[in-house]
N, C-alpha and C. Protein backbone atom coordinates (compact mmCIF):
# COMPACT_ATOMS: atom_id res chain seq x y z
N GLN A 1 1.07 -1.41 0.14
CA GLN A 1 0.04 0.12 0.01
C GLN A 1 0.80 1.46 -0.28
N VAL A 2 0.69 2.38 -1.12
CA VAL A 2 1.43 3.18 -0.85
C VAL A 2 0.34 4.36 -0.79
N GLN A 3 0.95 5.40 0.24
CA GLN A 3 0.15 6.50 0.94
C GLN A 3 0.95 7.95 0.20
N LEU A 4 0.36 8.86 -0.23
CA LEU A 4 0.89 9.61 -0.88
C LEU A 4 0.33 11.19 0.18
N VAL A 5 1.23 12.01 0.15
CA VAL A 5 0.41 13.53 0.97
C VAL A 5 1.47 14.51 0.54
N GLU A 6 0.42 15.43 0.58
CA GLU A 6 0.67 16.55 -0.91
C GLU A 6 0.73 18.03 0.38
N ALA A 7 1.90 18.74 0.22
CA ALA A 7 2.23 19.76 1.00
C ALA A 7 2.22 21.24 0.19
N GLY A 8 2.18 22.32 0.37
CA GLY A 8 2.47 23.40 -0.39
C GLY A 8 1.62 24.40 -0.88
N GLY A 9 0.64 23.83 -1.23
CA GLY A 9 -0.42 24.60 -1.49
C GLY A 9 -0.61 26.11 -0.56
N GLY A 10 -1.78 26.75 -1.41
CA GLY A 10 -1.67 28.18 -0.97
C GLY A 10 -2.12 29.10 -1.73
N LEU A 11 -2.08 30.65 -1.28
CA LEU A 11 -2.82 31.66 -2.28
C LEU A 11 -1.84 32.19 -2.51
N VAL A 12 -1.79 32.66 -3.42
CA VAL A 12 -0.75 33.67 -4.11
C VAL A 12 -1.06 34.62 -5.19
N GLN A 13 -0.30 35.93 -5.64
CA GLN A 13 -0.97 36.28 -6.58
C GLN A 13 -0.68 36.01 -7.93
N ALA A 14 -0.78 36.02 -8.89
CA ALA A 14 -0.70 36.28 -10.04
C ALA A 14 0.96 36.25 -10.21
N GLY A 15 1.94 35.74 -11.01
CA GLY A 15 3.16 36.03 -11.30
C GLY A 15 3.98 35.49 -9.89
N GLY A 16 3.37 34.97 -8.85
CA GLY A 16 4.01 34.56 -7.76
C GLY A 16 4.32 33.09 -8.08
N SER A 17 4.73 32.51 -7.29
CA SER A 17 5.79 31.11 -7.26
C SER A 17 5.04 30.11 -5.77
N LEU A 18 4.78 29.04 -6.00
CA LEU A 18 4.81 28.35 -5.02
C LEU A 18 5.18 26.63 -5.56
N ARG A 19 6.08 26.07 -4.44
CA ARG A 19 6.24 24.90 -4.49
C ARG A 19 5.73 23.53 -3.84
N LEU A 20 4.89 22.73 -4.93
CA LEU A 20 4.41 21.57 -4.02
C LEU A 20 5.18 20.67 -3.62
N SER A 21 4.99 19.48 -3.06
CA SER A 21 5.55 18.44 -2.31
C SER A 21 4.75 17.10 -2.38
N CYS A 22 5.23 16.42 -2.35
CA CYS A 22 4.33 15.04 -2.07
C CYS A 22 5.19 13.69 -1.55
N ALA A 23 4.91 13.28 -0.59
CA ALA A 23 5.49 12.24 0.28
C ALA A 23 4.53 11.27 0.18
N ALA A 24 5.82 10.25 0.07
CA ALA A 24 5.41 9.01 -0.49
C ALA A 24 5.75 8.10 0.63
N SER A 25 4.56 6.87 1.29
CA SER A 25 5.54 5.94 2.15
C SER A 25 5.18 4.76 1.26
N GLY A 26 6.00 3.75 1.74
CA GLY A 26 5.76 2.25 0.84
C GLY A 26 7.29 2.34 0.19
N ARG A 27 7.51 1.30 -0.15
CA ARG A 27 8.72 0.72 -1.06
C ARG A 27 9.08 0.79 -2.25
N THR A 28 7.78 0.84 -3.01
CA THR A 28 7.63 1.21 -4.60
C THR A 28 8.37 2.32 -4.82
N PHE A 29 8.00 3.30 -3.99
CA PHE A 29 8.62 5.06 -4.89
C PHE A 29 9.72 4.87 -5.93
N SER A 30 10.82 4.00 -5.74
CA SER A 30 11.73 4.27 -6.45
C SER A 30 11.72 3.78 -8.05
N ARG A 31 10.70 3.27 -8.00
CA ARG A 31 10.29 2.37 -9.33
C ARG A 31 8.62 2.66 -9.93
N SER A 32 8.40 3.69 -9.39
CA SER A 32 7.24 3.94 -9.75
C SER A 32 7.01 5.90 -10.50
N ALA A 33 6.70 5.67 -11.47
CA ALA A 33 6.31 7.02 -12.18
C ALA A 33 4.80 7.47 -11.10
N MET A 34 5.23 9.04 -11.19
CA MET A 34 5.09 10.31 -10.58
C MET A 34 4.38 10.93 -11.10
N GLY A 35 3.21 11.20 -11.06
CA GLY A 35 2.01 12.61 -11.99
C GLY A 35 1.83 13.50 -11.23
N TRP A 36 1.61 14.47 -11.36
CA TRP A 36 1.05 15.93 -10.77
C TRP A 36 0.02 16.21 -12.18
N PHE A 37 -1.36 16.10 -10.90
CA PHE A 37 -2.89 16.30 -12.42
C PHE A 37 -3.38 17.49 -11.48
N ARG A 38 -4.28 17.95 -11.55
CA ARG A 38 -4.99 19.11 -11.50
C ARG A 38 -6.53 19.34 -11.08
N GLN A 39 -7.62 19.49 -10.81
CA GLN A 39 -8.66 19.65 -10.88
C GLN A 39 -9.60 21.43 -10.27
N ALA A 40 -10.55 21.54 -11.32
CA ALA A 40 -10.44 23.15 -10.81
C ALA A 40 -12.04 22.58 -11.07
N PRO A 41 -12.76 23.81 -9.88
CA PRO A 41 -14.15 23.20 -9.55
C PRO A 41 -14.64 23.27 -11.17
N GLY A 42 -15.94 22.05 -11.35
CA GLY A 42 -16.93 22.31 -12.36
C GLY A 42 -16.00 21.30 -13.59
N LYS A 43 -14.73 20.89 -13.58
CA LYS A 43 -13.72 20.19 -14.79
C LYS A 43 -13.36 18.80 -14.00
N GLU A 44 -12.94 18.39 -15.04
CA GLU A 44 -12.05 17.30 -15.20
C GLU A 44 -10.44 17.05 -14.40
N ARG A 45 -9.96 15.91 -13.81
CA ARG A 45 -8.94 16.23 -13.44
C ARG A 45 -8.03 16.24 -14.58
N GLU A 46 -6.71 16.57 -14.48
CA GLU A 46 -6.06 16.86 -16.19
C GLU A 46 -4.48 16.55 -15.55
N PHE A 47 -3.62 16.35 -16.75
CA PHE A 47 -2.49 16.01 -16.39
C PHE A 47 -1.81 17.43 -16.76
N VAL A 48 -0.90 17.87 -15.44
CA VAL A 48 0.19 18.86 -15.58
C VAL A 48 1.43 18.49 -15.37
N ALA A 49 2.02 17.29 -15.16
CA ALA A 49 3.71 17.11 -15.22
C ALA A 49 3.81 15.68 -14.38
N ALA A 50 4.68 14.67 -14.97
CA ALA A 50 4.92 14.08 -14.90
C ALA A 50 6.57 13.67 -14.78
N ALA A 51 7.18 12.51 -14.05
CA ALA A 51 8.66 12.06 -14.09
C ALA A 51 8.29 10.09 -13.85
N ASP A 52 9.38 9.79 -14.64
CA ASP A 52 9.97 8.35 -14.86
C ASP A 52 10.32 8.02 -13.35
N TRP A 53 10.80 7.02 -13.25
CA TRP A 53 10.88 6.47 -12.13
C TRP A 53 12.51 7.41 -11.71
N SER A 54 13.64 6.95 -12.63
CA SER A 54 14.39 7.69 -12.35
C SER A 54 14.69 9.64 -12.10
N GLY A 55 14.00 9.71 -12.69
CA GLY A 55 13.47 11.38 -12.63
C GLY A 55 13.79 12.39 -13.71
N THR A 56 15.14 11.06 -14.90
CA THR A 56 15.36 11.79 -15.89
C THR A 56 14.26 11.95 -17.09
N LEU A 57 13.53 11.58 -17.42
CA LEU A 57 12.45 11.44 -18.00
C LEU A 57 11.22 11.90 -17.50
N LEU A 58 11.20 14.19 -18.05
CA LEU A 58 10.05 14.63 -17.63
C LEU A 58 9.21 15.51 -18.51
N TYR A 59 7.90 14.87 -18.35
CA TYR A 59 6.66 15.40 -19.07
C TYR A 59 5.99 16.61 -18.67
N TYR A 60 5.60 17.39 -19.49
CA TYR A 60 4.37 17.87 -19.06
C TYR A 60 3.53 18.66 -20.49
N ALA A 61 2.09 19.54 -19.33
CA ALA A 61 1.19 19.56 -20.08
C ALA A 61 1.82 20.86 -21.04
N ASP A 62 1.47 21.38 -22.09
CA ASP A 62 1.49 22.53 -23.04
C ASP A 62 1.60 23.55 -22.09
N PHE A 63 0.53 23.55 -21.43
CA PHE A 63 0.14 25.05 -20.89
C PHE A 63 1.16 25.45 -19.60
N VAL A 64 1.77 24.01 -19.18
CA VAL A 64 2.89 24.82 -17.67
C VAL A 64 4.20 24.67 -18.33
N LYS A 65 4.30 24.21 -19.66
CA LYS A 65 5.82 24.42 -20.28
C LYS A 65 6.54 25.88 -20.23
N GLY A 66 7.77 25.68 -19.53
CA GLY A 66 8.45 26.93 -19.45
C GLY A 66 7.72 27.63 -18.19
N ARG A 67 6.89 27.08 -17.34
CA ARG A 67 6.48 27.74 -15.97
C ARG A 67 6.50 26.52 -14.75
N PHE A 68 6.26 25.32 -14.98
CA PHE A 68 6.47 24.56 -13.66
C PHE A 68 7.61 23.26 -14.05
N THR A 69 8.51 23.23 -12.70
CA THR A 69 9.17 22.07 -12.85
C THR A 69 9.04 20.50 -12.19
N ILE A 70 8.71 19.76 -12.99
CA ILE A 70 8.83 18.55 -11.41
C ILE A 70 10.07 17.93 -11.45
N SER A 71 10.45 17.62 -10.09
CA SER A 71 11.80 16.88 -9.78
C SER A 71 11.14 15.79 -9.13
N ARG A 72 12.41 14.72 -8.48
CA ARG A 72 11.95 13.48 -7.58
C ARG A 72 13.53 13.55 -6.63
N VAL A 73 13.25 13.01 -5.61
CA VAL A 73 14.60 12.68 -4.71
C VAL A 73 13.89 11.31 -4.05
N ASN A 74 14.42 10.26 -4.46
CA ASN A 74 13.80 9.03 -4.34
C ASN A 74 15.02 8.46 -3.36
N ALA A 75 15.55 9.03 -3.03
CA ALA A 75 16.04 8.63 -1.13
C ALA A 75 15.12 9.21 -0.15
N LYS A 76 14.53 10.52 -0.72
CA LYS A 76 13.49 11.13 0.38
C LYS A 76 12.02 10.69 -0.15
N ASN A 77 11.71 9.64 -1.06
CA ASN A 77 10.78 9.23 -1.30
C ASN A 77 9.75 10.21 -1.85
N THR A 78 10.06 11.77 -2.18
CA THR A 78 9.37 13.04 -2.66
C THR A 78 9.69 13.40 -4.02
N VAL A 79 8.44 14.03 -4.45
CA VAL A 79 8.37 15.02 -5.71
C VAL A 79 8.02 15.92 -5.27
N TYR A 80 8.61 16.82 -6.45
CA TYR A 80 8.24 18.40 -5.93
C TYR A 80 8.01 19.09 -7.43
N LEU A 81 6.99 19.70 -7.34
CA LEU A 81 6.63 20.57 -8.49
C LEU A 81 6.76 22.20 -8.30
N GLN A 82 7.54 22.60 -8.69
CA GLN A 82 7.71 24.31 -8.44
C GLN A 82 7.04 24.76 -9.74
N MET A 83 6.15 25.80 -9.03
CA MET A 83 5.27 26.31 -10.22
C MET A 83 5.36 28.00 -10.04
N ASN A 84 5.96 28.37 -11.19
CA ASN A 84 6.65 29.82 -11.27
C ASN A 84 5.43 30.34 -12.17
N SER A 85 5.84 31.69 -12.57
CA SER A 85 4.56 32.67 -13.43
C SER A 85 3.07 32.20 -13.02
N LEU A 86 2.83 31.81 -11.91
CA LEU A 86 1.69 31.32 -11.48
C LEU A 86 0.25 32.12 -12.33
N LYS A 87 -1.02 31.75 -12.78
CA LYS A 87 -1.84 32.33 -13.37
C LYS A 87 -2.98 32.52 -12.70
N PRO A 88 -4.06 33.06 -12.88
CA PRO A 88 -5.56 32.88 -12.28
C PRO A 88 -6.39 31.43 -12.79
N ASP A 89 -6.07 31.01 -14.15
CA ASP A 89 -6.45 30.13 -14.77
C ASP A 89 -5.30 28.96 -14.01
N ASP A 90 -4.58 28.35 -12.84
CA ASP A 90 -3.63 27.80 -12.78
C ASP A 90 -4.67 27.37 -11.54
N THR A 91 -5.61 28.27 -10.54
CA THR A 91 -6.24 27.66 -9.27
C THR A 91 -7.13 26.74 -9.47
N ALA A 92 -6.70 25.73 -8.85
CA ALA A 92 -7.29 24.38 -9.08
C ALA A 92 -6.46 23.32 -7.15
N VAL A 93 -7.12 22.46 -8.10
CA VAL A 93 -6.74 21.35 -6.39
C VAL A 93 -5.75 20.44 -7.00
N TYR A 94 -4.54 20.05 -6.41
CA TYR A 94 -3.27 19.89 -7.22
C TYR A 94 -3.17 18.42 -6.44
N TYR A 95 -3.24 17.61 -7.25
CA TYR A 95 -3.20 16.22 -7.01
C TYR A 95 -1.72 15.30 -7.35
N CYS A 96 -0.82 14.59 -6.55
CA CYS A 96 0.00 14.30 -7.05
C CYS A 96 -0.58 12.62 -7.49
N GLY A 97 -0.03 11.93 -8.17
CA GLY A 97 -0.26 10.17 -8.31
C GLY A 97 0.66 9.40 -8.43
N SER A 98 0.88 8.12 -8.09
CA SER A 98 1.63 7.27 -8.49
C SER A 98 1.38 6.00 -8.99
N GLY A 99 1.92 5.53 -9.90
CA GLY A 99 2.31 4.06 -10.68
C GLY A 99 3.09 3.38 -11.03
N PRO A 100 2.95 2.10 -11.65
CA PRO A 100 3.90 1.56 -12.16
C PRO A 100 4.32 2.01 -13.47
N ASP A 101 6.06 1.98 -13.19
CA ASP A 101 6.70 3.10 -14.54
C ASP A 101 6.70 1.99 -15.67
N ILE A 102 5.50 1.51 -16.36
CA ILE A 102 5.10 0.01 -17.29
C ILE A 102 4.61 1.01 -18.59
N TYR A 103 3.70 1.65 -18.71
CA TYR A 103 3.21 1.74 -19.29
C TYR A 103 3.70 3.28 -20.73
N GLY A 104 4.28 4.28 -20.02
CA GLY A 104 5.04 4.72 -21.55
C GLY A 104 4.33 5.68 -21.56
N ASP A 105 3.22 6.06 -20.99
CA ASP A 105 1.76 6.70 -21.32
C ASP A 105 1.53 7.92 -20.24
N TYR A 106 2.75 8.65 -19.61
CA TYR A 106 2.72 9.27 -18.14
C TYR A 106 1.44 10.21 -17.86
N ALA A 107 0.68 10.69 -19.38
CA ALA A 107 -0.22 11.81 -18.83
C ALA A 107 -2.05 11.01 -18.75
N ARG A 108 -1.52 9.53 -18.71
CA ARG A 108 -2.91 9.13 -18.66
C ARG A 108 -3.27 8.99 -17.39
N LEU A 109 -4.25 9.48 -16.93
CA LEU A 109 -4.82 9.34 -15.36
C LEU A 109 -5.17 8.03 -15.10
N GLY A 110 -5.41 6.77 -15.87
CA GLY A 110 -5.76 5.69 -15.25
C GLY A 110 -4.65 5.17 -15.19
N ASN A 111 -3.46 5.50 -15.14
CA ASN A 111 -1.88 4.74 -15.24
C ASN A 111 -1.53 5.20 -13.79
N TYR A 112 -2.40 5.71 -13.28
CA TYR A 112 -1.88 6.10 -11.61
C TYR A 112 -2.99 4.98 -10.76
N ASN A 113 -2.61 4.57 -9.35
CA ASN A 113 -2.95 3.57 -8.68
C ASN A 113 -3.28 4.35 -7.41
N TYR A 114 -2.39 4.89 -7.13
CA TYR A 114 -2.68 6.00 -5.97
C TYR A 114 -2.28 7.24 -5.98
N TRP A 115 -3.33 8.14 -5.24
CA TRP A 115 -3.39 9.17 -4.85
C TRP A 115 -3.40 10.04 -3.80
N GLY A 116 -2.72 11.14 -3.48
CA GLY A 116 -3.21 11.90 -2.23
C GLY A 116 -4.27 12.63 -2.25
N GLN A 117 -4.42 13.29 -1.23
CA GLN A 117 -5.66 13.90 -1.06
C GLN A 117 -5.71 15.00 -1.47
N GLY A 118 -4.90 15.72 -2.39
CA GLY A 118 -4.86 17.20 -3.29
C GLY A 118 -4.55 18.22 -1.97
N THR A 119 -3.84 19.75 -2.69
CA THR A 119 -3.58 20.62 -2.26
C THR A 119 -4.19 21.71 -2.73
N GLN A 120 -4.91 22.73 -2.07
CA GLN A 120 -5.64 23.66 -3.01
C GLN A 120 -4.51 24.72 -3.45
N VAL A 121 -4.12 25.09 -4.94
CA VAL A 121 -3.80 26.39 -5.01
C VAL A 121 -4.54 27.30 -5.74
N THR A 122 -4.67 28.58 -5.20
CA THR A 122 -5.46 29.62 -5.29
C THR A 122 -4.59 31.08 -5.74
N VAL A 123 -4.79 30.94 -7.18
CA VAL A 123 -4.12 32.20 -7.74
C VAL A 123 -5.11 33.39 -8.05
N SER A 124 -4.33 35.07 -7.46
CA SER A 124 -5.44 35.60 -7.65
C SER A 124 -5.13 36.75 -8.28
N SER A 125 -5.81 37.55 -9.38
CA SER A 125 -5.30 38.13 -10.52
C SER A 125 -5.13 39.81 -9.71
């Protein structure tokens, strides 16, 4: 069983930055793909960023490229999402997900079988 706990959300003005973290329990972190997704009110959960098991292969949604950076420290069982140049449209609950690194499609929601409780990010204009 894997437990994921996100932290770092909050209220920030447009143009500001936040750093989210996701701490994982269990022994499979270093073999798992890790992804960040977000869900705004009335919308479906959408892909934001993902990292392969090693943190070498990184993937981003087009709308965050150049602004967000995903990273992971396997020795700490933690994955991060550095968010810069935040926009009001980035307002959402951000979730981290964990799944076996075997599918190759890191943006697919169904490839992640463990989820955290989410952390709220609110960007004011």
